[in-house]
Amino acid sequence: MNDILGSVWHIEARFLNTLKEILIRPGITATNYLSGKRIRYYNFVSLLLIMFGFNVIAFHLYLNISKTDFDLESSKTLNFFSKYSKATLLFLVPILAFNAWIIFRKIKFNLAEHFVISTISLIGILTFFLVDDLVSMIGVYQPFYNISNSIDHVLETAFVFFPAFTYVNAFRKKYTFWGLVWRLVLFYVLVFSEILAIVLFINKL
């Protein structure tokens, strides 16, 4: 029994420690992992799937509590992203990885290594989404609405800029300040352009 409880605690502690490391220093976590320091970290793919599952559950709980029903008269894009917002996040991994592979060529990471960094970015984004769903549940009750709304805006900003934080944390010693700035601006222009292209494609379906 002691061995079983010890194993469970070890797995749980490694899960929480990995999540904490990703939120505090995602880029360093990624470069440590890529350099072979992997024993201390929970498997990133498993962590991504777990966080994805938590998000799906939390999102549906929020819909049930808030009695939210999507308007079938709304645009295809809004309808799609409202219903499948978490699932579409999975497409961010190849989008982020490919753009970073092009822009941060000086680092000489291959595409697979950029996939690892993108996976870590998405885990961070999903964590913010999960907290946002939980905060939104509290905000359903009118006395907490204003507080919930304020926190919601902070979390929205956090998950939009979390990829930038990840790359700055990973590559800040490899580039000058302005070298990072223009690369990140280009990175976001490419990412948002590709997302816009996907939205336009969905609207034509």
C-alpha atoms as a PDB file:
ATOM      1  CA  MET A   1       0.000   0.000   0.000  1.00  0.00           C
ATOM      2  CA  ASN A   2       2.842   2.385   0.865  1.00  0.00           C
ATOM      3  CA  ASP A   3       4.498   1.651  -2.482  1.00  0.00           C
ATOM      4  CA  ILE A   4       1.254   2.286  -4.360  1.00  0.00           C
ATOM      5  CA  LEU A   5       0.568   5.554  -2.521  1.00  0.00           C
ATOM      6  CA  GLY A   6       4.183   6.614  -3.030  1.00  0.00           C
ATOM      7  CA  SER A   7       3.931   5.952  -6.779  1.00  0.00           C
ATOM      8  CA  VAL A   8       0.658   7.882  -7.064  1.00  0.00           C
ATOM      9  CA  TRP A   9       2.117  10.798  -5.099  1.00  0.00           C
ATOM     10  CA  HIS A  10       5.264  10.765  -7.256  1.00  0.00           C
ATOM     11  CA  ILE A  11       3.220  10.914 -10.465  1.00  0.00           C
ATOM     12  CA  GLU A  12       0.935  13.631  -9.079  1.00  0.00           C
ATOM     13  CA  ALA A  13       3.866  15.700  -7.795  1.00  0.00           C
ATOM     14  CA  ARG A  14       5.674  15.426 -11.137  1.00  0.00           C
ATOM     15  CA  PHE A  15       2.464  16.432 -12.955  1.00  0.00           C
ATOM     16  CA  LEU A  16       2.018  19.566 -10.810  1.00  0.00           C
ATOM     17  CA  ASN A  17       5.718  20.463 -10.883  1.00  0.00           C
ATOM     18  CA  THR A  18       5.812  20.164 -14.673  1.00  0.00           C
ATOM     19  CA  LEU A  19       2.721  22.349 -15.002  1.00  0.00           C
ATOM     20  CA  LYS A  20       4.264  24.932 -12.670  1.00  0.00           C
ATOM     21  CA  GLU A  21       7.531  24.929 -14.654  1.00  0.00           C
ATOM     22  CA  ILE A  22       5.624  25.398 -17.906  1.00  0.00           C
ATOM     23  CA  LEU A  23       3.716  28.404 -16.555  1.00  0.00           C
ATOM     24  CA  ILE A  24       6.744  30.064 -14.925  1.00  0.00           C
ATOM     25  CA  ARG A  25       9.505  29.306 -17.455  1.00  0.00           C
ATOM     26  CA  PRO A  26       8.077  27.512 -20.492  1.00  0.00           C
ATOM     27  CA  GLY A  27      10.995  28.181 -22.832  1.00  0.00           C
ATOM     28  CA  ILE A  28      13.613  26.942 -20.382  1.00  0.00           C
ATOM     29  CA  THR A  29      11.473  23.869 -19.690  1.00  0.00           C
ATOM     30  CA  ALA A  30      11.363  23.158 -23.432  1.00  0.00           C
ATOM     31  CA  THR A  31      15.105  23.612 -23.968  1.00  0.00           C
ATOM     32  CA  ASN A  32      15.889  21.479 -20.890  1.00  0.00           C
ATOM     33  CA  TYR A  33      13.697  18.713 -22.269  1.00  0.00           C
ATOM     34  CA  LEU A  34      15.281  18.948 -25.712  1.00  0.00           C
ATOM     35  CA  SER A  35      18.771  18.800 -24.188  1.00  0.00           C
ATOM     36  CA  GLY A  36      17.916  15.449 -22.576  1.00  0.00           C
ATOM     37  CA  LYS A  37      16.817  16.499 -19.075  1.00  0.00           C
ATOM     38  CA  ARG A  38      13.518  14.620 -19.236  1.00  0.00           C
ATOM     39  CA  ILE A  39      13.246  12.518 -16.075  1.00  0.00           C
ATOM     40  CA  ARG A  40      12.007  15.413 -13.937  1.00  0.00           C
ATOM     41  CA  TYR A  41       9.151  16.238 -16.339  1.00  0.00           C
ATOM     42  CA  TYR A  42       5.769  14.639 -16.831  1.00  0.00           C
ATOM     43  CA  ASN A  43       5.271  13.479 -20.423  1.00  0.00           C
ATOM     44  CA  PHE A  44       4.222  16.576 -22.373  1.00  0.00           C
ATOM     45  CA  VAL A  45       1.880  14.765 -24.769  1.00  0.00           C
ATOM     46  CA  SER A  46       0.074  13.078 -21.866  1.00  0.00           C
ATOM     47  CA  LEU A  47      -0.082  16.406 -20.039  1.00  0.00           C
ATOM     48  CA  LEU A  48      -1.519  18.083 -23.135  1.00  0.00           C
ATOM     49  CA  LEU A  49      -4.235  15.427 -23.463  1.00  0.00           C
ATOM     50  CA  ILE A  50      -5.083  15.639 -19.753  1.00  0.00           C
ATOM     51  CA  MET A  51      -5.378  19.432 -19.886  1.00  0.00           C
ATOM     52  CA  PHE A  52      -7.440  19.132 -23.049  1.00  0.00           C
ATOM     53  CA  GLY A  53      -9.804  16.709 -21.262  1.00  0.00           C
ATOM     54  CA  PHE A  54     -10.108  19.023 -18.245  1.00  0.00           C
ATOM     55  CA  ASN A  55     -10.942  21.887 -20.602  1.00  0.00           C
ATOM     56  CA  VAL A  56     -13.693  19.954 -22.354  1.00  0.00           C
ATOM     57  CA  ILE A  57     -15.272  19.002 -19.011  1.00  0.00           C
ATOM     58  CA  ALA A  58     -14.996  22.545 -17.610  1.00  0.00           C
ATOM     59  CA  PHE A  59     -16.408  24.089 -20.786  1.00  0.00           C
ATOM     60  CA  HIS A  60     -19.462  21.831 -20.764  1.00  0.00           C
ATOM     61  CA  LEU A  61     -19.993  22.466 -17.055  1.00  0.00           C
ATOM     62  CA  TYR A  62     -19.920  26.190 -17.769  1.00  0.00           C
ATOM     63  CA  LEU A  63     -22.494  25.787 -20.560  1.00  0.00           C
ATOM     64  CA  ASN A  64     -24.786  23.832 -18.223  1.00  0.00           C
ATOM     65  CA  ILE A  65     -24.444  26.304 -15.365  1.00  0.00           C
ATOM     66  CA  SER A  66     -24.839  29.418 -17.518  1.00  0.00           C
ATOM     67  CA  LYS A  67     -27.616  27.885 -19.649  1.00  0.00           C
ATOM     68  CA  THR A  68     -25.776  29.123 -22.725  1.00  0.00           C
ATOM     69  CA  ASP A  69     -27.234  28.043 -26.035  1.00  0.00           C
ATOM     70  CA  PHE A  70     -25.575  28.885 -29.326  1.00  0.00           C
ATOM     71  CA  ASP A  71     -27.622  30.747 -31.881  1.00  0.00           C
ATOM     72  CA  LEU A  72     -28.022  28.615 -34.977  1.00  0.00           C
ATOM     73  CA  GLU A  73     -28.637  31.785 -36.944  1.00  0.00           C
ATOM     74  CA  SER A  74     -25.099  33.045 -36.221  1.00  0.00           C
ATOM     75  CA  SER A  75     -22.237  32.802 -38.701  1.00  0.00           C
ATOM     76  CA  LYS A  76     -20.623  29.469 -39.458  1.00  0.00           C
ATOM     77  CA  THR A  77     -17.309  30.697 -38.089  1.00  0.00           C
ATOM     78  CA  LEU A  78     -18.722  31.860 -34.751  1.00  0.00           C
ATOM     79  CA  ASN A  79     -20.783  28.693 -34.436  1.00  0.00           C
ATOM     80  CA  PHE A  80     -17.808  26.470 -35.223  1.00  0.00           C
ATOM     81  CA  PHE A  81     -15.324  28.131 -32.905  1.00  0.00           C
ATOM     82  CA  SER A  82     -17.894  28.460 -30.120  1.00  0.00           C
ATOM     83  CA  LYS A  83     -18.684  24.757 -30.179  1.00  0.00           C
ATOM     84  CA  TYR A  84     -15.228  23.420 -30.986  1.00  0.00           C
ATOM     85  CA  SER A  85     -12.929  26.117 -29.586  1.00  0.00           C
ATOM     86  CA  LYS A  86     -10.843  23.670 -27.551  1.00  0.00           C
ATOM     87  CA  ALA A  87     -10.487  21.142 -30.376  1.00  0.00           C
ATOM     88  CA  THR A  88      -9.339  23.811 -32.824  1.00  0.00           C
ATOM     89  CA  LEU A  89      -6.546  24.698 -30.396  1.00  0.00           C
ATOM     90  CA  LEU A  90      -4.840  21.438 -31.354  1.00  0.00           C
ATOM     91  CA  PHE A  91      -4.189  22.955 -34.775  1.00  0.00           C
ATOM     92  CA  LEU A  92      -2.078  25.589 -33.037  1.00  0.00           C
ATOM     93  CA  VAL A  93       0.733  23.082 -32.463  1.00  0.00           C
ATOM     94  CA  PRO A  94       1.714  22.649 -36.133  1.00  0.00           C
ATOM     95  CA  ILE A  95       0.933  26.317 -36.890  1.00  0.00           C
ATOM     96  CA  LEU A  96       3.160  27.599 -34.074  1.00  0.00           C
ATOM     97  CA  ALA A  97       5.865  25.026 -34.777  1.00  0.00           C
ATOM     98  CA  PHE A  98       6.108  25.701 -38.507  1.00  0.00           C
ATOM     99  CA  ASN A  99       6.177  29.490 -38.126  1.00  0.00           C
ATOM    100  CA  ALA A 100       8.773  29.336 -35.332  1.00  0.00           C
ATOM    101  CA  TRP A 101      10.896  26.938 -37.409  1.00  0.00           C
ATOM    102  CA  ILE A 102      10.957  29.514 -40.228  1.00  0.00           C
ATOM    103  CA  ILE A 103      11.490  32.626 -38.092  1.00  0.00           C
ATOM    104  CA  PHE A 104      13.946  31.317 -35.490  1.00  0.00           C
ATOM    105  CA  ARG A 105      16.300  29.663 -37.961  1.00  0.00           C
ATOM    106  CA  LYS A 106      19.388  30.844 -36.093  1.00  0.00           C
ATOM    107  CA  ILE A 107      18.581  28.411 -33.255  1.00  0.00           C
ATOM    108  CA  LYS A 108      18.909  25.459 -35.679  1.00  0.00           C
ATOM    109  CA  PHE A 109      16.148  23.449 -34.035  1.00  0.00           C
ATOM    110  CA  ASN A 110      14.456  21.013 -36.364  1.00  0.00           C
ATOM    111  CA  LEU A 111      10.685  20.967 -36.900  1.00  0.00           C
ATOM    112  CA  ALA A 112      10.150  18.158 -34.367  1.00  0.00           C
ATOM    113  CA  GLU A 113      11.929  20.181 -31.691  1.00  0.00           C
ATOM    114  CA  HIS A 114       9.732  23.169 -32.457  1.00  0.00           C
ATOM    115  CA  PHE A 115       6.735  20.846 -32.060  1.00  0.00           C
ATOM    116  CA  VAL A 116       7.873  20.241 -28.464  1.00  0.00           C
ATOM    117  CA  ILE A 117       8.047  23.986 -27.782  1.00  0.00           C
ATOM    118  CA  SER A 118       4.630  24.498 -29.390  1.00  0.00           C
ATOM    119  CA  THR A 119       3.153  21.687 -27.309  1.00  0.00           C
ATOM    120  CA  ILE A 120       4.404  23.404 -24.168  1.00  0.00           C
ATOM    121  CA  SER A 121       2.882  26.696 -25.363  1.00  0.00           C
ATOM    122  CA  LEU A 122      -0.449  24.991 -25.920  1.00  0.00           C
ATOM    123  CA  ILE A 123      -0.350  23.391 -22.447  1.00  0.00           C
ATOM    124  CA  GLY A 124       0.075  26.881 -21.005  1.00  0.00           C
ATOM    125  CA  ILE A 125      -2.780  28.237 -23.135  1.00  0.00           C
ATOM    126  CA  LEU A 126      -5.054  25.356 -22.080  1.00  0.00           C
ATOM    127  CA  THR A 127      -4.209  26.024 -18.438  1.00  0.00           C
ATOM    128  CA  PHE A 128      -5.337  29.637 -18.808  1.00  0.00           C
ATOM    129  CA  PHE A 129      -8.465  28.473 -20.649  1.00  0.00           C
ATOM    130  CA  LEU A 130      -9.249  26.051 -17.828  1.00  0.00           C
ATOM    131  CA  VAL A 131      -8.884  28.747 -15.174  1.00  0.00           C
ATOM    132  CA  ASP A 132     -10.973  31.065 -17.362  1.00  0.00           C
ATOM    133  CA  ASP A 133     -13.794  28.508 -17.547  1.00  0.00           C
ATOM    134  CA  LEU A 134     -13.736  28.060 -13.766  1.00  0.00           C
ATOM    135  CA  VAL A 135     -13.758  31.829 -13.213  1.00  0.00           C
ATOM    136  CA  SER A 136     -16.622  32.183 -15.709  1.00  0.00           C
ATOM    137  CA  MET A 137     -18.651  29.643 -13.721  1.00  0.00           C
ATOM    138  CA  ILE A 138     -18.276  31.836 -10.645  1.00  0.00           C
ATOM    139  CA  GLY A 139     -19.207  34.879 -12.736  1.00  0.00           C
ATOM    140  CA  VAL A 140     -22.559  33.331 -13.596  1.00  0.00           C
ATOM    141  CA  TYR A 141     -23.668  34.438 -10.126  1.00  0.00           C
ATOM    142  CA  GLN A 142     -24.364  38.166 -10.375  1.00  0.00           C
ATOM    143  CA  PRO A 143     -22.468  39.340  -7.231  1.00  0.00           C
ATOM    144  CA  PHE A 144     -19.246  37.931  -8.703  1.00  0.00           C
ATOM    145  CA  TYR A 145     -19.822  39.019 -12.313  1.00  0.00           C
ATOM    146  CA  ASN A 146     -17.646  42.156 -12.315  1.00  0.00           C
ATOM    147  CA  ILE A 147     -14.718  40.419 -10.617  1.00  0.00           C
ATOM    148  CA  SER A 148     -15.038  37.453 -12.948  1.00  0.00           C
ATOM    149  CA  ASN A 149     -15.178  39.717 -15.990  1.00  0.00           C
ATOM    150  CA  SER A 150     -11.990  41.553 -14.954  1.00  0.00           C
ATOM    151  CA  ILE A 151     -10.104  38.296 -14.364  1.00  0.00           C
ATOM    152  CA  ASP A 152     -11.412  37.021 -17.694  1.00  0.00           C
ATOM    153  CA  HIS A 153      -9.790  39.930 -19.548  1.00  0.00           C
ATOM    154  CA  VAL A 154      -6.461  39.273 -17.816  1.00  0.00           C
ATOM    155  CA  LEU A 155      -6.588  35.577 -18.725  1.00  0.00           C
ATOM    156  CA  GLU A 156      -7.473  36.349 -22.344  1.00  0.00           C
ATOM    157  CA  THR A 157      -4.391  38.561 -22.590  1.00  0.00           C
ATOM    158  CA  ALA A 158      -2.287  35.866 -20.923  1.00  0.00           C
ATOM    159  CA  PHE A 159      -3.166  33.057 -23.317  1.00  0.00           C
ATOM    160  CA  VAL A 160      -2.777  35.282 -26.402  1.00  0.00           C
ATOM    161  CA  PHE A 161       0.758  36.308 -25.424  1.00  0.00           C
ATOM    162  CA  PHE A 162       1.856  33.047 -23.796  1.00  0.00           C
ATOM    163  CA  PRO A 163       3.572  31.783 -26.997  1.00  0.00           C
ATOM    164  CA  ALA A 164       5.591  35.030 -27.114  1.00  0.00           C
ATOM    165  CA  PHE A 165       6.569  34.541 -23.475  1.00  0.00           C
ATOM    166  CA  THR A 166       7.617  30.969 -24.302  1.00  0.00           C
ATOM    167  CA  TYR A 167       9.922  31.988 -27.148  1.00  0.00           C
ATOM    168  CA  VAL A 168      11.385  34.930 -25.240  1.00  0.00           C
ATOM    169  CA  ASN A 169      12.078  32.641 -22.299  1.00  0.00           C
ATOM    170  CA  ALA A 170      13.702  30.073 -24.601  1.00  0.00           C
ATOM    171  CA  PHE A 171      15.724  32.297 -26.948  1.00  0.00           C
ATOM    172  CA  ARG A 172      16.423  35.554 -25.078  1.00  0.00           C
ATOM    173  CA  LYS A 173      20.153  34.735 -24.882  1.00  0.00           C
ATOM    174  CA  LYS A 174      20.369  33.945 -28.588  1.00  0.00           C
ATOM    175  CA  TYR A 175      18.978  37.224 -29.950  1.00  0.00           C
ATOM    176  CA  THR A 176      19.175  40.909 -29.161  1.00  0.00           C
ATOM    177  CA  PHE A 177      16.089  42.602 -27.725  1.00  0.00           C
ATOM    178  CA  TRP A 178      15.067  44.097 -31.069  1.00  0.00           C
ATOM    179  CA  GLY A 179      15.969  40.893 -32.853  1.00  0.00           C
ATOM    180  CA  LEU A 180      13.403  39.098 -30.723  1.00  0.00           C
ATOM    181  CA  VAL A 181      10.837  41.888 -31.088  1.00  0.00           C
ATOM    182  CA  TRP A 182      10.689  41.932 -34.884  1.00  0.00           C
ATOM    183  CA  ARG A 183      10.696  38.142 -35.055  1.00  0.00           C
ATOM    184  CA  LEU A 184       7.808  37.890 -32.599  1.00  0.00           C
ATOM    185  CA  VAL A 185       5.841  40.560 -34.469  1.00  0.00           C
ATOM    186  CA  LEU A 186       6.331  38.628 -37.711  1.00  0.00           C
ATOM    187  CA  PHE A 187       5.472  35.398 -35.897  1.00  0.00           C
ATOM    188  CA  TYR A 188       2.125  36.777 -34.711  1.00  0.00           C
ATOM    189  CA  VAL A 189       1.350  38.298 -38.113  1.00  0.00           C
ATOM    190  CA  LEU A 190       1.863  34.885 -39.726  1.00  0.00           C
ATOM    191  CA  VAL A 191      -0.123  33.020 -37.057  1.00  0.00           C
ATOM    192  CA  PHE A 192      -3.100  35.399 -37.202  1.00  0.00           C
ATOM    193  CA  SER A 193      -3.009  35.449 -41.003  1.00  0.00           C
ATOM    194  CA  GLU A 194      -3.164  31.657 -41.110  1.00  0.00           C
ATOM    195  CA  ILE A 195      -5.982  31.579 -38.554  1.00  0.00           C
ATOM    196  CA  LEU A 196      -7.850  34.184 -40.629  1.00  0.00           C
ATOM    197  CA  ALA A 197      -7.367  32.026 -43.725  1.00  0.00           C
ATOM    198  CA  ILE A 198      -8.844  29.056 -41.842  1.00  0.00           C
ATOM    199  CA  VAL A 199     -11.814  31.199 -40.728  1.00  0.00           C
ATOM    200  CA  LEU A 200     -12.460  32.341 -44.308  1.00  0.00           C
ATOM    201  CA  PHE A 201     -12.248  28.745 -45.500  1.00  0.00           C
ATOM    202  CA  ILE A 202     -14.800  27.634 -42.885  1.00  0.00           C
ATOM    203  CA  ASN A 203     -17.156  30.435 -43.953  1.00  0.00           C
ATOM    204  CA  LYS A 204     -17.071  29.122 -47.515  1.00  0.00           C
ATOM    205  CA  LEU A 205     -18.035  25.577 -46.484  1.00  0.00           C
END
